N, C-alpha and C. Protein backbone atom coordinates (compact mmCIF):
# COMPACT_ATOMS: atom_id res chain seq x y z
N MET A 1 121.56 98.44 115.50
CA MET A 1 120.97 99.54 114.77
C MET A 1 119.69 99.05 114.09
N LYS A 2 118.65 99.82 114.18
CA LYS A 2 117.35 99.42 113.64
C LYS A 2 117.25 99.89 112.18
N THR A 3 117.65 99.00 111.26
CA THR A 3 117.63 99.33 109.84
C THR A 3 116.76 98.40 109.02
N TYR A 4 116.25 97.34 109.63
CA TYR A 4 115.46 96.34 108.90
C TYR A 4 113.97 96.63 109.01
N ALA A 5 113.24 96.28 107.96
CA ALA A 5 111.78 96.40 107.93
C ALA A 5 111.22 95.07 107.45
N ILE A 6 109.92 94.92 107.56
CA ILE A 6 109.25 93.71 107.08
C ILE A 6 108.64 94.00 105.71
N HIS A 7 109.09 93.26 104.72
CA HIS A 7 108.55 93.34 103.37
C HIS A 7 107.59 92.17 103.21
N TRP A 8 106.46 92.40 102.59
CA TRP A 8 105.46 91.35 102.46
C TRP A 8 104.87 91.31 101.05
N LYS A 9 104.38 90.11 100.69
CA LYS A 9 103.69 89.93 99.42
C LYS A 9 102.56 88.93 99.62
N SER A 10 101.36 89.32 99.19
CA SER A 10 100.20 88.45 99.28
C SER A 10 100.27 87.38 98.20
N ILE A 11 100.12 86.15 98.61
CA ILE A 11 100.08 85.03 97.66
C ILE A 11 98.72 85.01 96.96
N VAL A 12 97.70 85.55 97.60
CA VAL A 12 96.34 85.53 97.09
C VAL A 12 96.15 86.51 95.94
N ASN A 13 96.55 87.79 96.14
CA ASN A 13 96.27 88.79 95.10
C ASN A 13 97.51 89.52 94.57
N GLY A 14 98.70 89.19 95.07
CA GLY A 14 99.92 89.78 94.55
C GLY A 14 100.28 91.15 95.12
N ASN A 15 99.45 91.69 96.02
CA ASN A 15 99.79 92.98 96.62
C ASN A 15 101.10 92.86 97.39
N ILE A 16 101.89 93.95 97.38
CA ILE A 16 103.16 93.97 98.08
C ILE A 16 103.27 95.24 98.90
N GLY A 17 104.16 95.22 99.87
CA GLY A 17 104.39 96.41 100.67
C GLY A 17 105.57 96.21 101.60
N THR A 18 106.02 97.30 102.19
CA THR A 18 107.10 97.27 103.17
C THR A 18 106.66 98.11 104.35
N GLY A 19 106.75 97.54 105.53
CA GLY A 19 106.37 98.26 106.73
C GLY A 19 107.28 99.45 106.99
N THR A 20 106.79 100.39 107.76
CA THR A 20 107.56 101.60 108.05
C THR A 20 108.34 101.49 109.36
N LYS A 21 107.97 100.57 110.23
CA LYS A 21 108.67 100.40 111.50
C LYS A 21 110.00 99.70 111.26
N ARG A 22 111.05 100.13 111.95
CA ARG A 22 112.39 99.57 111.78
C ARG A 22 112.75 98.69 112.98
N PHE A 23 113.52 97.63 112.70
CA PHE A 23 113.92 96.66 113.70
C PHE A 23 115.41 96.35 113.55
N GLU A 24 115.98 95.77 114.60
CA GLU A 24 117.31 95.20 114.47
C GLU A 24 117.16 93.91 113.68
N LYS A 25 118.25 93.45 113.08
CA LYS A 25 118.20 92.30 112.16
C LYS A 25 117.55 91.08 112.80
N GLU A 26 118.00 90.68 113.98
CA GLU A 26 117.50 89.46 114.60
C GLU A 26 116.01 89.59 114.92
N GLU A 27 115.59 90.77 115.39
CA GLU A 27 114.18 90.99 115.71
C GLU A 27 113.32 90.92 114.45
N ALA A 28 113.78 91.52 113.36
CA ALA A 28 113.03 91.51 112.10
C ALA A 28 112.92 90.08 111.55
N GLU A 29 114.00 89.31 111.61
CA GLU A 29 113.96 87.94 111.11
C GLU A 29 113.01 87.09 111.93
N ARG A 30 113.04 87.27 113.24
CA ARG A 30 112.14 86.52 114.13
C ARG A 30 110.68 86.89 113.85
N LEU A 31 110.42 88.18 113.67
CA LEU A 31 109.06 88.64 113.38
C LEU A 31 108.57 88.10 112.04
N ALA A 32 109.43 88.09 111.03
CA ALA A 32 109.03 87.57 109.71
C ALA A 32 108.64 86.10 109.81
N ILE A 33 109.38 85.33 110.58
CA ILE A 33 109.05 83.91 110.77
C ILE A 33 107.70 83.77 111.46
N GLU A 34 107.49 84.56 112.51
CA GLU A 34 106.22 84.51 113.24
C GLU A 34 105.04 84.92 112.35
N LEU A 35 105.22 85.98 111.57
CA LEU A 35 104.15 86.42 110.67
C LEU A 35 103.84 85.38 109.60
N ASN A 36 104.87 84.72 109.08
CA ASN A 36 104.65 83.68 108.07
C ASN A 36 103.88 82.49 108.65
N GLU A 37 104.12 82.19 109.92
CA GLU A 37 103.38 81.10 110.57
C GLU A 37 101.92 81.49 110.81
N ASN A 38 101.70 82.74 111.22
CA ASN A 38 100.35 83.20 111.54
C ASN A 38 99.52 83.59 110.32
N TYR A 39 100.19 83.99 109.24
CA TYR A 39 99.51 84.44 108.02
C TYR A 39 100.14 83.75 106.81
N PRO A 40 99.82 82.47 106.60
CA PRO A 40 100.46 81.70 105.53
C PRO A 40 100.13 82.20 104.12
N GLU A 41 99.08 83.00 103.97
CA GLU A 41 98.74 83.52 102.64
C GLU A 41 99.55 84.78 102.28
N ILE A 42 100.42 85.21 103.21
CA ILE A 42 101.27 86.37 102.95
C ILE A 42 102.71 85.98 103.26
N ASN A 43 103.61 86.25 102.32
CA ASN A 43 105.03 85.95 102.52
C ASN A 43 105.71 87.18 103.10
N HIS A 44 106.36 87.02 104.26
CA HIS A 44 107.04 88.13 104.93
C HIS A 44 108.55 87.85 104.95
N GLU A 45 109.34 88.92 104.81
CA GLU A 45 110.78 88.76 104.95
C GLU A 45 111.40 90.03 105.52
N ALA A 46 112.50 89.86 106.22
CA ALA A 46 113.23 90.99 106.80
C ALA A 46 114.15 91.56 105.72
N VAL A 47 114.06 92.86 105.50
CA VAL A 47 114.86 93.51 104.45
C VAL A 47 115.39 94.85 104.96
N ILE A 48 116.44 95.33 104.31
CA ILE A 48 116.88 96.71 104.50
C ILE A 48 116.29 97.47 103.33
N PRO A 49 115.31 98.33 103.59
CA PRO A 49 114.63 99.01 102.48
C PRO A 49 115.56 99.99 101.76
N ALA A 50 115.40 100.06 100.45
CA ALA A 50 116.16 101.01 99.63
C ALA A 50 115.50 102.38 99.73
N LEU A 51 116.30 103.41 99.61
CA LEU A 51 115.75 104.76 99.59
C LEU A 51 115.05 105.01 98.26
N PRO A 52 113.92 105.68 98.27
CA PRO A 52 113.28 106.03 97.00
C PRO A 52 114.21 106.91 96.17
N ALA A 53 114.07 106.85 94.86
CA ALA A 53 114.92 107.63 93.96
C ALA A 53 114.82 109.12 94.23
N SER A 54 113.69 109.58 94.74
CA SER A 54 113.51 111.01 94.99
C SER A 54 114.18 111.47 96.28
N GLU A 55 114.70 110.54 97.08
CA GLU A 55 115.37 110.90 98.32
C GLU A 55 116.82 110.43 98.28
N PRO A 56 117.75 111.28 97.85
CA PRO A 56 119.14 110.87 97.79
C PRO A 56 119.70 110.59 99.18
N ALA A 57 120.66 109.68 99.26
CA ALA A 57 121.26 109.32 100.54
C ALA A 57 122.01 110.50 101.14
N ALA A 58 122.63 111.31 100.31
CA ALA A 58 123.36 112.49 100.79
C ALA A 58 123.13 113.61 99.80
N THR A 59 123.07 114.80 100.31
CA THR A 59 122.89 115.94 99.42
C THR A 59 124.23 116.58 99.16
N GLU A 60 124.40 117.07 97.95
CA GLU A 60 125.64 117.74 97.59
C GLU A 60 125.55 119.20 98.05
N PRO A 61 126.70 119.77 98.44
CA PRO A 61 126.67 121.17 98.84
C PRO A 61 126.29 122.06 97.67
N ALA A 62 125.60 123.13 97.97
CA ALA A 62 125.19 124.07 96.93
C ALA A 62 126.41 124.78 96.36
N SER A 63 126.41 125.01 95.06
CA SER A 63 127.48 125.76 94.41
C SER A 63 127.31 127.25 94.72
N PRO A 64 128.42 127.97 94.90
CA PRO A 64 128.27 129.41 95.13
C PRO A 64 127.75 130.07 93.86
N PRO A 65 126.94 131.11 93.99
CA PRO A 65 126.39 131.77 92.80
C PRO A 65 127.48 132.42 91.98
N ASN A 66 127.32 132.41 90.65
CA ASN A 66 128.27 133.08 89.74
C ASN A 66 127.97 134.56 89.71
N ARG A 67 129.00 135.37 89.81
CA ARG A 67 128.79 136.82 89.78
C ARG A 67 129.56 137.45 88.69
């Protein structure tokens, strides 16, 4: 299942971010290692991104209106 993304942090200026493309765990870990070798000024790691607070994991059913 493709649930992992690449999270990165610049060692130079402190900028951070998480990619939007999803990978399987092994593929994401392999890519993070490759990116760290090719771009030593940026730290990359494979992560399962958290949902933003504005996007709940599940929505609750609507309550019926009171009459």
